mmCIF file of all heavy atoms, coordinates in Angstrom:
data_MODEL
# 
_entry.id   MODEL 
# 
loop_
_atom_site.group_PDB 
_atom_site.id 
_atom_site.type_symbol 
_atom_site.label_atom_id 
_atom_site.label_alt_id 
_atom_site.label_comp_id 
_atom_site.label_asym_id 
_atom_site.label_entity_id 
_atom_site.label_seq_id 
_atom_site.pdbx_PDB_ins_code 
_atom_site.Cartn_x 
_atom_site.Cartn_y 
_atom_site.Cartn_z 
_atom_site.occupancy 
_atom_site.B_iso_or_equiv 
_atom_site.pdbx_formal_charge 
_atom_site.auth_seq_id 
_atom_site.auth_comp_id 
_atom_site.auth_asym_id 
_atom_site.auth_atom_id 
_atom_site.pdbx_PDB_model_num 
ATOM 1   N N   . ARG A 1 1  ? 162.032 3.870   40.791 1.00 0.00 ? 1  ARG A N   1 
ATOM 2   C CA  . ARG A 1 1  ? 161.293 4.821   39.949 1.00 0.00 ? 1  ARG A CA  1 
ATOM 3   C C   . ARG A 1 1  ? 159.798 4.724   40.244 1.00 0.00 ? 1  ARG A C   1 
ATOM 4   O O   . ARG A 1 1  ? 159.018 4.193   39.453 1.00 0.00 ? 1  ARG A O   1 
ATOM 5   C CB  . ARG A 1 1  ? 161.565 4.535   38.461 1.00 0.00 ? 1  ARG A CB  1 
ATOM 6   C CG  . ARG A 1 1  ? 163.012 4.680   38.041 1.00 0.00 ? 1  ARG A CG  1 
ATOM 7   C CD  . ARG A 1 1  ? 163.470 6.133   38.104 1.00 0.00 ? 1  ARG A CD  1 
ATOM 8   N NE  . ARG A 1 1  ? 162.736 6.973   37.195 1.00 0.00 ? 1  ARG A NE  1 
ATOM 9   C CZ  . ARG A 1 1  ? 163.089 7.189   35.935 1.00 0.00 ? 1  ARG A CZ  1 
ATOM 10  N NH1 . ARG A 1 1  ? 164.166 6.597   35.435 1.00 0.00 ? 1  ARG A NH1 1 
ATOM 11  N NH2 . ARG A 1 1  ? 162.368 7.975   35.169 1.00 0.00 ? 1  ARG A NH2 1 
ATOM 12  N N   . PRO A 1 2  ? 159.358 5.182   41.411 1.00 0.00 ? 2  PRO A N   1 
ATOM 13  C CA  . PRO A 1 2  ? 157.944 5.063   41.797 1.00 0.00 ? 2  PRO A CA  1 
ATOM 14  C C   . PRO A 1 2  ? 157.012 5.777   40.815 1.00 0.00 ? 2  PRO A C   1 
ATOM 15  O O   . PRO A 1 2  ? 157.341 6.857   40.316 1.00 0.00 ? 2  PRO A O   1 
ATOM 16  C CB  . PRO A 1 2  ? 157.898 5.703   43.191 1.00 0.00 ? 2  PRO A CB  1 
ATOM 17  C CG  . PRO A 1 2  ? 159.104 6.572   43.256 1.00 0.00 ? 2  PRO A CG  1 
ATOM 18  C CD  . PRO A 1 2  ? 160.151 5.905   42.423 1.00 0.00 ? 2  PRO A CD  1 
ATOM 19  N N   . GLY A 1 3  ? 155.885 5.122   40.530 1.00 0.00 ? 3  GLY A N   1 
ATOM 20  C CA  . GLY A 1 3  ? 154.880 5.722   39.667 1.00 0.00 ? 3  GLY A CA  1 
ATOM 21  C C   . GLY A 1 3  ? 155.172 5.633   38.187 1.00 0.00 ? 3  GLY A C   1 
ATOM 22  O O   . GLY A 1 3  ? 154.467 6.224   37.375 1.00 0.00 ? 3  GLY A O   1 
ATOM 23  N N   . GLN A 1 4  ? 156.206 4.885   37.788 1.00 0.00 ? 4  GLN A N   1 
ATOM 24  C CA  . GLN A 1 4  ? 156.586 4.769   36.371 1.00 0.00 ? 4  GLN A CA  1 
ATOM 25  C C   . GLN A 1 4  ? 156.791 3.303   36.015 1.00 0.00 ? 4  GLN A C   1 
ATOM 26  O O   . GLN A 1 4  ? 157.433 2.563   36.762 1.00 0.00 ? 4  GLN A O   1 
ATOM 27  C CB  . GLN A 1 4  ? 157.876 5.547   36.101 1.00 0.00 ? 4  GLN A CB  1 
ATOM 28  C CG  . GLN A 1 4  ? 158.426 5.369   34.687 1.00 0.00 ? 4  GLN A CG  1 
ATOM 29  C CD  . GLN A 1 4  ? 157.560 6.030   33.638 1.00 0.00 ? 4  GLN A CD  1 
ATOM 30  O OE1 . GLN A 1 4  ? 157.461 7.250   33.593 1.00 0.00 ? 4  GLN A OE1 1 
ATOM 31  N NE2 . GLN A 1 4  ? 156.925 5.235   32.794 1.00 0.00 ? 4  GLN A NE2 1 
ATOM 32  N N   . SER A 1 5  ? 156.235 2.878   34.892 1.00 0.00 ? 5  SER A N   1 
ATOM 33  C CA  . SER A 1 5  ? 156.459 1.526   34.377 1.00 0.00 ? 5  SER A CA  1 
ATOM 34  C C   . SER A 1 5  ? 157.276 1.600   33.102 1.00 0.00 ? 5  SER A C   1 
ATOM 35  O O   . SER A 1 5  ? 157.319 2.639   32.422 1.00 0.00 ? 5  SER A O   1 
ATOM 36  C CB  . SER A 1 5  ? 155.121 0.818   34.102 1.00 0.00 ? 5  SER A CB  1 
ATOM 37  O OG  . SER A 1 5  ? 154.418 0.583   35.294 1.00 0.00 ? 5  SER A OG  1 
ATOM 38  N N   . PHE A 1 6  ? 157.934 0.481   32.750 1.00 0.00 ? 6  PHE A N   1 
ATOM 39  C CA  . PHE A 1 6  ? 158.801 0.436   31.586 1.00 0.00 ? 6  PHE A CA  1 
ATOM 40  C C   . PHE A 1 6  ? 158.484 -0.794  30.741 1.00 0.00 ? 6  PHE A C   1 
ATOM 41  O O   . PHE A 1 6  ? 158.097 -1.842  31.269 1.00 0.00 ? 6  PHE A O   1 
ATOM 42  C CB  . PHE A 1 6  ? 160.267 0.396   32.014 1.00 0.00 ? 6  PHE A CB  1 
ATOM 43  C CG  . PHE A 1 6  ? 160.715 1.641   32.724 1.00 0.00 ? 6  PHE A CG  1 
ATOM 44  C CD1 . PHE A 1 6  ? 160.521 1.775   34.094 1.00 0.00 ? 6  PHE A CD1 1 
ATOM 45  C CD2 . PHE A 1 6  ? 161.303 2.675   32.023 1.00 0.00 ? 6  PHE A CD2 1 
ATOM 46  C CE1 . PHE A 1 6  ? 160.909 2.922   34.756 1.00 0.00 ? 6  PHE A CE1 1 
ATOM 47  C CE2 . PHE A 1 6  ? 161.697 3.837   32.683 1.00 0.00 ? 6  PHE A CE2 1 
ATOM 48  C CZ  . PHE A 1 6  ? 161.501 3.958   34.043 1.00 0.00 ? 6  PHE A CZ  1 
ATOM 49  N N   . LEU A 1 7  ? 158.658 -0.635  29.428 1.00 0.00 ? 7  LEU A N   1 
ATOM 50  C CA  . LEU A 1 7  ? 158.473 -1.746  28.495 1.00 0.00 ? 7  LEU A CA  1 
ATOM 51  C C   . LEU A 1 7  ? 159.850 -2.285  28.109 1.00 0.00 ? 7  LEU A C   1 
ATOM 52  O O   . LEU A 1 7  ? 160.669 -1.552  27.554 1.00 0.00 ? 7  LEU A O   1 
ATOM 53  C CB  . LEU A 1 7  ? 157.724 -1.277  27.248 1.00 0.00 ? 7  LEU A CB  1 
ATOM 54  C CG  . LEU A 1 7  ? 157.500 -2.331  26.151 1.00 0.00 ? 7  LEU A CG  1 
ATOM 55  C CD1 . LEU A 1 7  ? 156.567 -3.427  26.648 1.00 0.00 ? 7  LEU A CD1 1 
ATOM 56  C CD2 . LEU A 1 7  ? 156.936 -1.675  24.885 1.00 0.00 ? 7  LEU A CD2 1 
ATOM 57  N N   . LEU A 1 8  ? 160.085 -3.545  28.434 1.00 0.00 ? 8  LEU A N   1 
ATOM 58  C CA  . LEU A 1 8  ? 161.335 -4.201  28.068 1.00 0.00 ? 8  LEU A CA  1 
ATOM 59  C C   . LEU A 1 8  ? 161.156 -4.913  26.733 1.00 0.00 ? 8  LEU A C   1 
ATOM 60  O O   . LEU A 1 8  ? 160.184 -5.635  26.530 1.00 0.00 ? 8  LEU A O   1 
ATOM 61  C CB  . LEU A 1 8  ? 161.737 -5.224  29.130 1.00 0.00 ? 8  LEU A CB  1 
ATOM 62  C CG  . LEU A 1 8  ? 162.920 -6.134  28.732 1.00 0.00 ? 8  LEU A CG  1 
ATOM 63  C CD1 . LEU A 1 8  ? 164.230 -5.357  28.739 1.00 0.00 ? 8  LEU A CD1 1 
ATOM 64  C CD2 . LEU A 1 8  ? 163.006 -7.354  29.641 1.00 0.00 ? 8  LEU A CD2 1 
ATOM 65  N N   . GLN A 1 9  ? 162.113 -4.685  25.824 1.00 0.00 ? 9  GLN A N   1 
ATOM 66  C CA  . GLN A 1 9  ? 162.137 -5.390  24.545 1.00 0.00 ? 9  GLN A CA  1 
ATOM 67  C C   . GLN A 1 9  ? 163.543 -5.943  24.351 1.00 0.00 ? 9  GLN A C   1 
ATOM 68  O O   . GLN A 1 9  ? 164.512 -5.193  24.351 1.00 0.00 ? 9  GLN A O   1 
ATOM 69  C CB  . GLN A 1 9  ? 161.845 -4.429  23.385 1.00 0.00 ? 9  GLN A CB  1 
ATOM 70  C CG  . GLN A 1 9  ? 160.556 -3.659  23.493 1.00 0.00 ? 9  GLN A CG  1 
ATOM 71  C CD  . GLN A 1 9  ? 159.380 -4.444  22.955 1.00 0.00 ? 9  GLN A CD  1 
ATOM 72  O OE1 . GLN A 1 9  ? 159.545 -5.526  22.405 1.00 0.00 ? 9  GLN A OE1 1 
ATOM 73  N NE2 . GLN A 1 9  ? 158.189 -3.906  23.116 1.00 0.00 ? 9  GLN A NE2 1 
ATOM 74  N N   . LEU A 1 10 ? 163.646 -7.267  24.214 1.00 0.00 ? 10 LEU A N   1 
ATOM 75  C CA  . LEU A 1 10 ? 164.933 -7.881  23.898 1.00 0.00 ? 10 LEU A CA  1 
ATOM 76  C C   . LEU A 1 10 ? 164.730 -8.734  22.652 1.00 0.00 ? 10 LEU A C   1 
ATOM 77  O O   . LEU A 1 10 ? 163.865 -9.616  22.628 1.00 0.00 ? 10 LEU A O   1 
ATOM 78  C CB  . LEU A 1 10 ? 165.436 -8.744  25.059 1.00 0.00 ? 10 LEU A CB  1 
ATOM 79  C CG  . LEU A 1 10 ? 166.840 -9.344  24.918 1.00 0.00 ? 10 LEU A CG  1 
ATOM 80  C CD1 . LEU A 1 10 ? 167.488 -9.528  26.280 1.00 0.00 ? 10 LEU A CD1 1 
ATOM 81  C CD2 . LEU A 1 10 ? 166.808 -10.692 24.192 1.00 0.00 ? 10 LEU A CD2 1 
ATOM 82  N N   . VAL A 1 11 ? 165.481 -8.443  21.609 1.00 0.00 ? 11 VAL A N   1 
ATOM 83  C CA  . VAL A 1 11 ? 165.390 -9.170  20.348 1.00 0.00 ? 11 VAL A CA  1 
ATOM 84  C C   . VAL A 1 11 ? 166.794 -9.538  19.922 1.00 0.00 ? 11 VAL A C   1 
ATOM 85  O O   . VAL A 1 11 ? 167.607 -8.662  19.611 1.00 0.00 ? 11 VAL A O   1 
ATOM 86  C CB  . VAL A 1 11 ? 164.730 -8.322  19.240 1.00 0.00 ? 11 VAL A CB  1 
ATOM 87  C CG1 . VAL A 1 11 ? 164.572 -9.144  17.969 1.00 0.00 ? 11 VAL A CG1 1 
ATOM 88  C CG2 . VAL A 1 11 ? 163.399 -7.781  19.690 1.00 0.00 ? 11 VAL A CG2 1 
ATOM 89  N N   . GLY A 1 12 ? 167.102 -10.842 19.931 1.00 0.00 ? 12 GLY A N   1 
ATOM 90  C CA  . GLY A 1 12 ? 168.457 -11.252 19.581 1.00 0.00 ? 12 GLY A CA  1 
ATOM 91  C C   . GLY A 1 12 ? 169.463 -10.612 20.508 1.00 0.00 ? 12 GLY A C   1 
ATOM 92  O O   . GLY A 1 12 ? 169.419 -10.785 21.722 1.00 0.00 ? 12 GLY A O   1 
ATOM 93  N N   . ARG A 1 13 ? 170.354 -9.806  19.941 1.00 0.00 ? 13 ARG A N   1 
ATOM 94  C CA  . ARG A 1 13 ? 171.394 -9.159  20.745 1.00 0.00 ? 13 ARG A CA  1 
ATOM 95  C C   . ARG A 1 13 ? 171.016 -7.758  21.192 1.00 0.00 ? 13 ARG A C   1 
ATOM 96  O O   . ARG A 1 13 ? 171.792 -7.087  21.866 1.00 0.00 ? 13 ARG A O   1 
ATOM 97  C CB  . ARG A 1 13 ? 172.686 -9.085  19.913 1.00 0.00 ? 13 ARG A CB  1 
ATOM 98  C CG  . ARG A 1 13 ? 173.229 -10.421 19.458 1.00 0.00 ? 13 ARG A CG  1 
ATOM 99  C CD  . ARG A 1 13 ? 174.195 -10.243 18.291 1.00 0.00 ? 13 ARG A CD  1 
ATOM 100 N NE  . ARG A 1 13 ? 173.508 -9.703  17.126 1.00 0.00 ? 13 ARG A NE  1 
ATOM 101 C CZ  . ARG A 1 13 ? 174.117 -9.263  16.030 1.00 0.00 ? 13 ARG A CZ  1 
ATOM 102 N NH1 . ARG A 1 13 ? 175.421 -9.269  15.974 1.00 0.00 ? 13 ARG A NH1 1 
ATOM 103 N NH2 . ARG A 1 13 ? 173.428 -8.805  15.006 1.00 0.00 ? 13 ARG A NH2 1 
ATOM 104 N N   . ARG A 1 14 ? 169.847 -7.277  20.815 1.00 0.00 ? 14 ARG A N   1 
ATOM 105 C CA  . ARG A 1 14 ? 169.458 -5.891  21.048 1.00 0.00 ? 14 ARG A CA  1 
ATOM 106 C C   . ARG A 1 14 ? 168.394 -5.804  22.133 1.00 0.00 ? 14 ARG A C   1 
ATOM 107 O O   . ARG A 1 14 ? 167.396 -6.509  22.109 1.00 0.00 ? 14 ARG A O   1 
ATOM 108 C CB  . ARG A 1 14 ? 168.927 -5.308  19.734 1.00 0.00 ? 14 ARG A CB  1 
ATOM 109 C CG  . ARG A 1 14 ? 168.501 -3.884  19.761 1.00 0.00 ? 14 ARG A CG  1 
ATOM 110 C CD  . ARG A 1 14 ? 168.308 -3.371  18.325 1.00 0.00 ? 14 ARG A CD  1 
ATOM 111 N NE  . ARG A 1 14 ? 167.580 -4.302  17.512 1.00 0.00 ? 14 ARG A NE  1 
ATOM 112 C CZ  . ARG A 1 14 ? 166.253 -4.377  17.467 1.00 0.00 ? 14 ARG A CZ  1 
ATOM 113 N NH1 . ARG A 1 14 ? 165.525 -3.563  18.213 1.00 0.00 ? 14 ARG A NH1 1 
ATOM 114 N NH2 . ARG A 1 14 ? 165.642 -5.233  16.680 1.00 0.00 ? 14 ARG A NH2 1 
ATOM 115 N N   . ALA A 1 15 ? 168.597 -4.897  23.085 1.00 0.00 ? 15 ALA A N   1 
ATOM 116 C CA  . ALA A 1 15 ? 167.637 -4.746  24.186 1.00 0.00 ? 15 ALA A CA  1 
ATOM 117 C C   . ALA A 1 15 ? 167.356 -3.267  24.427 1.00 0.00 ? 15 ALA A C   1 
ATOM 118 O O   . ALA A 1 15 ? 168.264 -2.430  24.343 1.00 0.00 ? 15 ALA A O   1 
ATOM 119 C CB  . ALA A 1 15 ? 168.161 -5.388  25.462 1.00 0.00 ? 15 ALA A CB  1 
ATOM 120 N N   . THR A 1 16 ? 166.093 -2.951  24.713 1.00 0.00 ? 16 THR A N   1 
ATOM 121 C CA  . THR A 1 16 ? 165.707 -1.580  25.042 1.00 0.00 ? 16 THR A CA  1 
ATOM 122 C C   . THR A 1 16 ? 164.774 -1.607  26.248 1.00 0.00 ? 16 THR A C   1 
ATOM 123 O O   . THR A 1 16 ? 164.037 -2.571  26.467 1.00 0.00 ? 16 THR A O   1 
ATOM 124 C CB  . THR A 1 16 ? 164.981 -0.889  23.868 1.00 0.00 ? 16 THR A CB  1 
ATOM 125 O OG1 . THR A 1 16 ? 163.802 -1.632  23.533 1.00 0.00 ? 16 THR A OG1 1 
ATOM 126 C CG2 . THR A 1 16 ? 165.880 -0.777  22.651 1.00 0.00 ? 16 THR A CG2 1 
ATOM 127 N N   . LEU A 1 17 ? 164.812 -0.531  27.010 1.00 0.00 ? 17 LEU A N   1 
ATOM 128 C CA  . LEU A 1 17 ? 163.922 -0.341  28.153 1.00 0.00 ? 17 LEU A CA  1 
ATOM 129 C C   . LEU A 1 17 ? 163.408 1.087   28.045 1.00 0.00 ? 17 LEU A C   1 
ATOM 130 O O   . LEU A 1 17 ? 164.167 2.033   28.219 1.00 0.00 ? 17 LEU A O   1 
ATOM 131 C CB  . LEU A 1 17 ? 164.672 -0.565  29.468 1.00 0.00 ? 17 LEU A CB  1 
ATOM 132 C CG  . LEU A 1 17 ? 163.837 -0.695  30.741 1.00 0.00 ? 17 LEU A CG  1 
ATOM 133 C CD1 . LEU A 1 17 ? 162.987 -1.960  30.689 1.00 0.00 ? 17 LEU A CD1 1 
ATOM 134 C CD2 . LEU A 1 17 ? 164.733 -0.716  31.969 1.00 0.00 ? 17 LEU A CD2 1 
ATOM 135 N N   . ARG A 1 18 ? 162.127 1.223   27.714 1.00 0.00 ? 18 ARG A N   1 
ATOM 136 C CA  . ARG A 1 18 ? 161.584 2.560   27.476 1.00 0.00 ? 18 ARG A CA  1 
ATOM 137 C C   . ARG A 1 18 ? 160.339 2.768   28.322 1.00 0.00 ? 18 ARG A C   1 
ATOM 138 O O   . ARG A 1 18 ? 159.652 1.810   28.690 1.00 0.00 ? 18 ARG A O   1 
ATOM 139 C CB  . ARG A 1 18 ? 161.277 2.765   25.993 1.00 0.00 ? 18 ARG A CB  1 
ATOM 140 C CG  . ARG A 1 18 ? 160.304 1.781   25.426 1.00 0.00 ? 18 ARG A CG  1 
ATOM 141 C CD  . ARG A 1 18 ? 160.251 1.839   23.910 1.00 0.00 ? 18 ARG A CD  1 
ATOM 142 N NE  . ARG A 1 18 ? 159.771 3.116   23.407 1.00 0.00 ? 18 ARG A NE  1 
ATOM 143 C CZ  . ARG A 1 18 ? 159.627 3.384   22.111 1.00 0.00 ? 18 ARG A CZ  1 
ATOM 144 N NH1 . ARG A 1 18 ? 159.971 2.482   21.211 1.00 0.00 ? 18 ARG A NH1 1 
ATOM 145 N NH2 . ARG A 1 18 ? 159.168 4.544   21.715 1.00 0.00 ? 18 ARG A NH2 1 
ATOM 146 N N   . PRO A 1 19 ? 160.005 4.015   28.657 1.00 0.00 ? 19 PRO A N   1 
ATOM 147 C CA  . PRO A 1 19 ? 158.830 4.284   29.496 1.00 0.00 ? 19 PRO A CA  1 
ATOM 148 C C   . PRO A 1 19 ? 157.553 3.718   28.884 1.00 0.00 ? 19 PRO A C   1 
ATOM 149 O O   . PRO A 1 19 ? 157.336 3.803   27.677 1.00 0.00 ? 19 PRO A O   1 
ATOM 150 C CB  . PRO A 1 19 ? 158.795 5.815   29.560 1.00 0.00 ? 19 PRO A CB  1 
ATOM 151 C CG  . PRO A 1 19 ? 160.199 6.233   29.328 1.00 0.00 ? 19 PRO A CG  1 
ATOM 152 C CD  . PRO A 1 19 ? 160.760 5.246   28.346 1.00 0.00 ? 19 PRO A CD  1 
ATOM 153 N N   . PHE A 1 20 ? 156.713 3.133   29.714 1.00 0.00 ? 20 PHE A N   1 
ATOM 154 C CA  . PHE A 1 20 ? 155.416 2.614   29.301 1.00 0.00 ? 20 PHE A CA  1 
ATOM 155 C C   . PHE A 1 20 ? 154.389 3.729   29.501 1.00 0.00 ? 20 PHE A C   1 
ATOM 156 O O   . PHE A 1 20 ? 154.502 4.524   30.439 1.00 0.00 ? 20 PHE A O   1 
ATOM 157 C CB  . PHE A 1 20 ? 155.053 1.389   30.152 1.00 0.00 ? 20 PHE A CB  1 
ATOM 158 C CG  . PHE A 1 20 ? 153.884 0.607   29.625 1.00 0.00 ? 20 PHE A CG  1 
ATOM 159 C CD1 . PHE A 1 20 ? 153.966 -0.057  28.406 1.00 0.00 ? 20 PHE A CD1 1 
ATOM 160 C CD2 . PHE A 1 20 ? 152.702 0.541   30.339 1.00 0.00 ? 20 PHE A CD2 1 
ATOM 161 C CE1 . PHE A 1 20 ? 152.891 -0.777  27.910 1.00 0.00 ? 20 PHE A CE1 1 
ATOM 162 C CE2 . PHE A 1 20 ? 151.616 -0.182  29.855 1.00 0.00 ? 20 PHE A CE2 1 
ATOM 163 C CZ  . PHE A 1 20 ? 151.711 -0.837  28.637 1.00 0.00 ? 20 PHE A CZ  1 
ATOM 164 N N   . PRO A 1 21 ? 153.376 3.840   28.606 1.00 0.00 ? 21 PRO A N   1 
ATOM 165 C CA  . PRO A 1 21 ? 152.455 4.985   28.669 1.00 0.00 ? 21 PRO A CA  1 
ATOM 166 C C   . PRO A 1 21 ? 151.738 5.173   29.991 1.00 0.00 ? 21 PRO A C   1 
ATOM 167 O O   . PRO A 1 21 ? 151.400 6.298   30.350 1.00 0.00 ? 21 PRO A O   1 
ATOM 168 C CB  . PRO A 1 21 ? 151.453 4.663   27.545 1.00 0.00 ? 21 PRO A CB  1 
ATOM 169 C CG  . PRO A 1 21 ? 152.213 3.799   26.595 1.00 0.00 ? 21 PRO A CG  1 
ATOM 170 C CD  . PRO A 1 21 ? 153.142 2.986   27.435 1.00 0.00 ? 21 PRO A CD  1 
ATOM 171 N N   . LYS A 1 22 ? 151.479 4.097   30.728 1.00 0.00 ? 22 LYS A N   1 
ATOM 172 C CA  . LYS A 1 22 ? 150.796 4.271   32.001 1.00 0.00 ? 22 LYS A CA  1 
ATOM 173 C C   . LYS A 1 22 ? 151.451 3.399   33.075 1.00 0.00 ? 22 LYS A C   1 
ATOM 174 O O   . LYS A 1 22 ? 152.117 2.409   32.765 1.00 0.00 ? 22 LYS A O   1 
ATOM 175 C CB  . LYS A 1 22 ? 149.309 3.934   31.883 1.00 0.00 ? 22 LYS A CB  1 
ATOM 176 C CG  . LYS A 1 22 ? 149.016 2.479   31.587 1.00 0.00 ? 22 LYS A CG  1 
ATOM 177 C CD  . LYS A 1 22 ? 147.511 2.240   31.597 1.00 0.00 ? 22 LYS A CD  1 
ATOM 178 C CE  . LYS A 1 22 ? 147.178 0.770   31.386 1.00 0.00 ? 22 LYS A CE  1 
ATOM 179 N NZ  . LYS A 1 22 ? 145.730 0.518   31.503 1.00 0.00 ? 22 LYS A NZ  1 
ATOM 180 N N   . PHE A 1 23 ? 151.237 3.790   34.311 1.00 0.00 ? 23 PHE A N   1 
ATOM 181 C CA  . PHE A 1 23 ? 151.850 3.062   35.418 1.00 0.00 ? 23 PHE A CA  1 
ATOM 182 C C   . PHE A 1 23 ? 151.057 1.791   35.730 1.00 0.00 ? 23 PHE A C   1 
ATOM 183 O O   . PHE A 1 23 ? 149.836 1.822   35.855 1.00 0.00 ? 23 PHE A O   1 
ATOM 184 C CB  . PHE A 1 23 ? 151.910 3.941   36.665 1.00 0.00 ? 23 PHE A CB  1 
ATOM 185 C CG  . PHE A 1 23 ? 152.370 3.222   37.893 1.00 0.00 ? 23 PHE A CG  1 
ATOM 186 C CD1 . PHE A 1 23 ? 153.647 2.661   37.946 1.00 0.00 ? 23 PHE A CD1 1 
ATOM 187 C CD2 . PHE A 1 23 ? 151.541 3.083   38.989 1.00 0.00 ? 23 PHE A CD2 1 
ATOM 188 C CE1 . PHE A 1 23 ? 154.080 1.989   39.076 1.00 0.00 ? 23 PHE A CE1 1 
ATOM 189 C CE2 . PHE A 1 23 ? 151.967 2.414   40.136 1.00 0.00 ? 23 PHE A CE2 1 
ATOM 190 C CZ  . PHE A 1 23 ? 153.240 1.858   40.170 1.00 0.00 ? 23 PHE A CZ  1 
ATOM 191 N N   . GLU A 1 24 ? 151.766 0.687   35.824 1.00 0.00 ? 24 GLU A N   1 
ATOM 192 C CA  . GLU A 1 24 ? 151.170 -0.581  36.233 1.00 0.00 ? 24 GLU A CA  1 
ATOM 193 C C   . GLU A 1 24 ? 152.031 -1.139  37.360 1.00 0.00 ? 24 GLU A C   1 
ATOM 194 O O   . GLU A 1 24 ? 153.201 -1.460  37.143 1.00 0.00 ? 24 GLU A O   1 
ATOM 195 C CB  . GLU A 1 24 ? 151.102 -1.555  35.066 1.00 0.00 ? 24 GLU A CB  1 
ATOM 196 C CG  . GLU A 1 24 ? 150.219 -1.041  33.931 1.00 0.00 ? 24 GLU A CG  1 
ATOM 197 C CD  . GLU A 1 24 ? 149.820 -2.133  32.955 1.00 0.00 ? 24 GLU A CD  1 
ATOM 198 O OE1 . GLU A 1 24 ? 150.144 -3.303  33.216 1.00 0.00 ? 24 GLU A OE1 1 
ATOM 199 O OE2 . GLU A 1 24 ? 149.190 -1.797  31.940 1.00 0.00 ? 24 GLU A OE2 1 
ATOM 200 N N   . PRO A 1 25 ? 151.498 -1.249  38.556 1.00 0.00 ? 25 PRO A N   1 
ATOM 201 C CA  . PRO A 1 25 ? 152.326 -1.627  39.704 1.00 0.00 ? 25 PRO A CA  1 
ATOM 202 C C   . PRO A 1 25 ? 152.875 -3.046  39.642 1.00 0.00 ? 25 PRO A C   1 
ATOM 203 O O   . PRO A 1 25 ? 153.923 -3.330  40.205 1.00 0.00 ? 25 PRO A O   1 
ATOM 204 C CB  . PRO A 1 25 ? 151.371 -1.465  40.890 1.00 0.00 ? 25 PRO A CB  1 
ATOM 205 C CG  . PRO A 1 25 ? 150.003 -1.571  40.295 1.00 0.00 ? 25 PRO A CG  1 
ATOM 206 C CD  . PRO A 1 25 ? 150.106 -0.977  38.925 1.00 0.00 ? 25 PRO A CD  1 
ATOM 207 N N   . ASP A 1 26 ? 152.194 -3.946  38.933 1.00 0.00 ? 26 ASP A N   1 
ATOM 208 C CA  . ASP A 1 26 ? 152.704 -5.311  38.817 1.00 0.00 ? 26 ASP A CA  1 
ATOM 209 C C   . ASP A 1 26 ? 153.681 -5.406  37.647 1.00 0.00 ? 26 ASP A C   1 
ATOM 210 O O   . ASP A 1 26 ? 153.721 -4.525  36.790 1.00 0.00 ? 26 ASP A O   1 
ATOM 211 C CB  . ASP A 1 26 ? 151.558 -6.310  38.640 1.00 0.00 ? 26 ASP A CB  1 
ATOM 212 C CG  . ASP A 1 26 ? 150.738 -6.010  37.395 1.00 0.00 ? 26 ASP A CG  1 
ATOM 213 O OD1 . ASP A 1 26 ? 150.573 -4.821  37.065 1.00 0.00 ? 26 ASP A OD1 1 
ATOM 214 O OD2 . ASP A 1 26 ? 150.277 -6.966  36.734 1.00 0.00 ? 26 ASP A OD2 1 
ATOM 215 N N   . CYS A 1 27 ? 154.458 -6.473  37.621 1.00 0.00 ? 27 CYS A N   1 
ATOM 216 C CA  . CYS A 1 27 ? 155.436 -6.705  36.557 1.00 0.00 ? 27 CYS A CA  1 
ATOM 217 C C   . CYS A 1 27 ? 155.096 -8.006  35.836 1.00 0.00 ? 27 CYS A C   1 
ATOM 218 O O   . CYS A 1 27 ? 154.699 -8.977  36.465 1.00 0.00 ? 27 CYS A O   1 
ATOM 219 C CB  . CYS A 1 27 ? 156.853 -6.812  37.136 1.00 0.00 ? 27 CYS A CB  1 
ATOM 220 S SG  . CYS A 1 27 ? 157.388 -5.361  38.063 1.00 0.00 ? 27 CYS A SG  1 
ATOM 221 N N   . ARG A 1 28 ? 155.259 -8.020  34.515 1.00 0.00 ? 28 ARG A N   1 
ATOM 222 C CA  . ARG A 1 28 ? 154.976 -9.212  33.720 1.00 0.00 ? 28 ARG A CA  1 
ATOM 223 C C   . ARG A 1 28 ? 156.054 -9.365  32.666 1.00 0.00 ? 28 ARG A C   1 
ATOM 224 O O   . ARG A 1 28 ? 156.454 -8.381  32.028 1.00 0.00 ? 28 ARG A O   1 
ATOM 225 C CB  . ARG A 1 28 ? 153.608 -9.115  33.056 1.00 0.00 ? 28 ARG A CB  1 
ATOM 226 C CG  . ARG A 1 28 ? 152.471 -8.890  34.031 1.00 0.00 ? 28 ARG A CG  1 
ATOM 227 C CD  . ARG A 1 28 ? 151.111 -8.979  33.349 1.00 0.00 ? 28 ARG A CD  1 
ATOM 228 N NE  . ARG A 1 28 ? 150.941 -8.011  32.275 1.00 0.00 ? 28 ARG A NE  1 
ATOM 229 C CZ  . ARG A 1 28 ? 150.621 -6.742  32.477 1.00 0.00 ? 28 ARG A CZ  1 
ATOM 230 N NH1 . ARG A 1 28 ? 150.499 -6.289  33.710 1.00 0.00 ? 28 ARG A NH1 1 
ATOM 231 N NH2 . ARG A 1 28 ? 150.441 -5.930  31.465 1.00 0.00 ? 28 ARG A NH2 1 
# 
């Protein structure tokens, strides 16, 4: 998915991956 970043949220048994407002080429 070039040019798009995602915010990962995992809490207990629940996980979501949703688009991040701006593109950041590195991952953290």
